[in-house]
Amino acid sequence: MNAMEPSTRYWRRSGYSGGNGDCVEVTTLPGAIAGRDSKAPNAGMTVVDRPRWAEFLAASPSSLE
């Protein structure tokens, strides 16, 4: 397995996530950010390039940063 494959990367959750397991995890990839459901980590992921991720963060309410 390649070290760049998302399954081998460090996934992290927001500190705002509750303890109920309903979380989104993210990891960095070369030129992109990947997100997945923490309850089903093998069910797939969504990958967006860094400019789109920056747009998403800029559009998010400051209380979620």
N, C-alpha and C. Protein backbone atom coordinates (compact mmCIF):
# COMPACT_ATOMS: atom_id res chain seq x y z
N MET A 1 0.85 -1.19 0.00
CA MET A 1 0.00 0.00 0.00
C MET A 1 0.89 1.24 0.00
N ASN A 2 0.59 2.18 -0.83
CA ASN A 2 1.35 3.42 -0.98
C ASN A 2 1.08 4.36 0.20
N ALA A 3 2.11 5.02 0.71
CA ALA A 3 1.95 5.93 1.84
C ALA A 3 1.09 7.14 1.50
N MET A 4 0.87 7.41 0.21
CA MET A 4 0.04 8.54 -0.18
C MET A 4 -1.43 8.17 -0.28
N GLU A 5 -1.76 6.89 -0.19
CA GLU A 5 -3.15 6.47 -0.26
C GLU A 5 -3.88 6.95 0.99
N PRO A 6 -5.10 7.47 0.82
CA PRO A 6 -5.84 7.99 1.97
C PRO A 6 -6.03 7.01 3.11
N SER A 7 -6.10 5.71 2.82
CA SER A 7 -6.31 4.73 3.89
C SER A 7 -5.12 4.66 4.84
N THR A 8 -3.94 5.11 4.40
CA THR A 8 -2.76 5.04 5.25
C THR A 8 -2.43 6.38 5.88
N ARG A 9 -3.20 7.39 5.63
CA ARG A 9 -2.90 8.73 6.11
C ARG A 9 -3.53 8.98 7.47
N TYR A 10 -3.07 10.02 8.12
CA TYR A 10 -3.62 10.42 9.42
C TYR A 10 -4.91 11.22 9.17
N TRP A 11 -6.02 10.73 9.67
CA TRP A 11 -7.31 11.41 9.56
C TRP A 11 -7.58 12.12 10.88
N ARG A 12 -8.13 13.32 10.82
CA ARG A 12 -8.41 14.06 12.06
C ARG A 12 -9.84 14.59 12.05
N ARG A 13 -10.33 14.83 13.25
CA ARG A 13 -11.69 15.33 13.46
C ARG A 13 -11.63 16.70 14.11
N SER A 14 -12.65 17.45 13.93
CA SER A 14 -12.76 18.75 14.57
C SER A 14 -12.89 18.58 16.07
N GLY A 15 -12.34 19.53 16.80
CA GLY A 15 -12.52 19.55 18.25
C GLY A 15 -13.96 19.84 18.64
N TYR A 16 -14.76 20.29 17.68
CA TYR A 16 -16.17 20.58 17.92
C TYR A 16 -17.04 19.34 17.78
N SER A 17 -16.47 18.23 17.35
CA SER A 17 -17.24 17.00 17.19
C SER A 17 -17.68 16.49 18.54
N GLY A 18 -18.89 15.98 18.57
CA GLY A 18 -19.41 15.42 19.80
C GLY A 18 -18.88 14.02 20.02
N GLY A 19 -19.21 13.43 21.12
CA GLY A 19 -18.74 12.09 21.45
C GLY A 19 -19.65 10.99 20.93
N ASN A 20 -20.62 11.34 20.06
CA ASN A 20 -21.58 10.35 19.59
C ASN A 20 -21.13 9.63 18.32
N GLY A 21 -19.96 9.94 17.78
CA GLY A 21 -19.46 9.26 16.60
C GLY A 21 -19.92 9.83 15.28
N ASP A 22 -20.76 10.85 15.31
CA ASP A 22 -21.23 11.49 14.08
C ASP A 22 -20.25 12.57 13.68
N CYS A 23 -19.16 12.18 13.05
CA CYS A 23 -18.10 13.12 12.73
C CYS A 23 -17.67 12.99 11.28
N VAL A 24 -17.11 14.07 10.78
CA VAL A 24 -16.45 14.06 9.49
C VAL A 24 -14.96 14.13 9.79
N GLU A 25 -14.20 13.29 9.14
CA GLU A 25 -12.75 13.30 9.29
C GLU A 25 -12.14 13.85 8.01
N VAL A 26 -11.02 14.53 8.15
CA VAL A 26 -10.31 15.07 6.98
C VAL A 26 -8.84 14.70 7.03
N THR A 27 -8.23 14.67 5.85
CA THR A 27 -6.80 14.46 5.71
C THR A 27 -6.30 15.26 4.52
N THR A 28 -5.03 15.55 4.52
CA THR A 28 -4.45 16.26 3.39
C THR A 28 -3.87 15.27 2.39
N LEU A 29 -4.01 15.60 1.12
CA LEU A 29 -3.43 14.86 0.02
C LEU A 29 -2.63 15.86 -0.81
N PRO A 30 -1.76 15.42 -1.67
CA PRO A 30 -1.04 16.37 -2.51
C PRO A 30 -2.01 17.22 -3.35
N GLY A 31 -2.10 18.49 -3.03
CA GLY A 31 -2.96 19.40 -3.77
C GLY A 31 -4.44 19.30 -3.46
N ALA A 32 -4.82 18.52 -2.46
CA ALA A 32 -6.24 18.31 -2.19
C ALA A 32 -6.49 18.02 -0.71
N ILE A 33 -7.76 18.03 -0.35
CA ILE A 33 -8.23 17.65 0.98
C ILE A 33 -9.28 16.56 0.79
N ALA A 34 -9.23 15.51 1.60
CA ALA A 34 -10.21 14.43 1.53
C ALA A 34 -11.03 14.42 2.81
N GLY A 35 -12.30 14.10 2.69
CA GLY A 35 -13.19 13.98 3.83
C GLY A 35 -13.93 12.65 3.78
N ARG A 36 -14.24 12.11 4.95
CA ARG A 36 -14.98 10.85 5.02
C ARG A 36 -15.83 10.83 6.28
N ASP A 37 -16.76 9.90 6.32
CA ASP A 37 -17.64 9.70 7.47
C ASP A 37 -16.90 8.82 8.48
N SER A 38 -16.75 9.30 9.70
CA SER A 38 -16.01 8.53 10.71
C SER A 38 -16.68 7.22 11.07
N LYS A 39 -18.00 7.13 10.88
CA LYS A 39 -18.71 5.89 11.20
C LYS A 39 -18.51 4.82 10.13
N ALA A 40 -18.14 5.25 8.91
CA ALA A 40 -17.96 4.31 7.80
C ALA A 40 -16.71 4.69 7.01
N PRO A 41 -15.55 4.58 7.61
CA PRO A 41 -14.32 5.06 6.95
C PRO A 41 -13.98 4.35 5.65
N ASN A 42 -14.49 3.16 5.44
CA ASN A 42 -14.18 2.42 4.21
C ASN A 42 -15.26 2.60 3.14
N ALA A 43 -16.24 3.44 3.41
CA ALA A 43 -17.35 3.63 2.47
C ALA A 43 -17.04 4.64 1.37
N GLY A 44 -15.85 5.21 1.38
CA GLY A 44 -15.50 6.19 0.36
C GLY A 44 -15.22 7.54 0.98
N MET A 45 -14.81 8.45 0.13
CA MET A 45 -14.47 9.79 0.60
C MET A 45 -14.76 10.79 -0.50
N THR A 46 -14.78 12.04 -0.11
CA THR A 46 -14.92 13.14 -1.05
C THR A 46 -13.59 13.88 -1.08
N VAL A 47 -13.09 14.12 -2.27
CA VAL A 47 -11.81 14.81 -2.42
C VAL A 47 -12.05 16.13 -3.16
N VAL A 48 -11.54 17.21 -2.59
CA VAL A 48 -11.64 18.52 -3.24
C VAL A 48 -10.25 19.15 -3.32
N ASP A 49 -10.05 19.96 -4.34
CA ASP A 49 -8.74 20.61 -4.46
C ASP A 49 -8.64 21.72 -3.41
N ARG A 50 -7.44 22.17 -3.15
CA ARG A 50 -7.20 23.15 -2.08
C ARG A 50 -7.93 24.48 -2.30
N PRO A 51 -8.01 25.01 -3.53
CA PRO A 51 -8.77 26.26 -3.71
C PRO A 51 -10.25 26.11 -3.32
N ARG A 52 -10.87 24.98 -3.67
CA ARG A 52 -12.27 24.75 -3.28
C ARG A 52 -12.40 24.62 -1.76
N TRP A 53 -11.44 23.95 -1.14
CA TRP A 53 -11.46 23.81 0.32
C TRP A 53 -11.37 25.19 0.98
N ALA A 54 -10.50 26.05 0.45
CA ALA A 54 -10.37 27.40 0.99
C ALA A 54 -11.68 28.18 0.83
N GLU A 55 -12.36 27.99 -0.30
CA GLU A 55 -13.67 28.63 -0.51
C GLU A 55 -14.68 28.13 0.52
N PHE A 56 -14.66 26.83 0.76
CA PHE A 56 -15.57 26.24 1.75
C PHE A 56 -15.33 26.84 3.13
N LEU A 57 -14.07 26.90 3.54
CA LEU A 57 -13.75 27.47 4.85
C LEU A 57 -14.13 28.93 4.94
N ALA A 58 -13.92 29.68 3.86
CA ALA A 58 -14.25 31.10 3.86
C ALA A 58 -15.76 31.32 3.96
N ALA A 59 -16.54 30.39 3.43
CA ALA A 59 -18.00 30.51 3.46
C ALA A 59 -18.62 29.99 4.74
N SER A 60 -17.84 29.26 5.55
CA SER A 60 -18.37 28.66 6.78
C SER A 60 -18.52 29.74 7.86
N PRO A 61 -19.56 29.61 8.67
CA PRO A 61 -19.69 30.55 9.81
C PRO A 61 -18.47 30.45 10.72
N SER A 62 -18.05 31.55 11.26
CA SER A 62 -16.84 31.57 12.09
C SER A 62 -16.98 30.67 13.32
N SER A 63 -18.18 30.38 13.74
CA SER A 63 -18.37 29.53 14.92
C SER A 63 -17.99 28.08 14.64
N LEU A 64 -17.83 27.70 13.36
CA LEU A 64 -17.48 26.32 13.02
C LEU A 64 -16.02 26.15 12.69
N GLU A 65 -15.23 27.21 12.72
CA GLU A 65 -13.82 27.11 12.36
C GLU A 65 -13.03 26.42 13.44
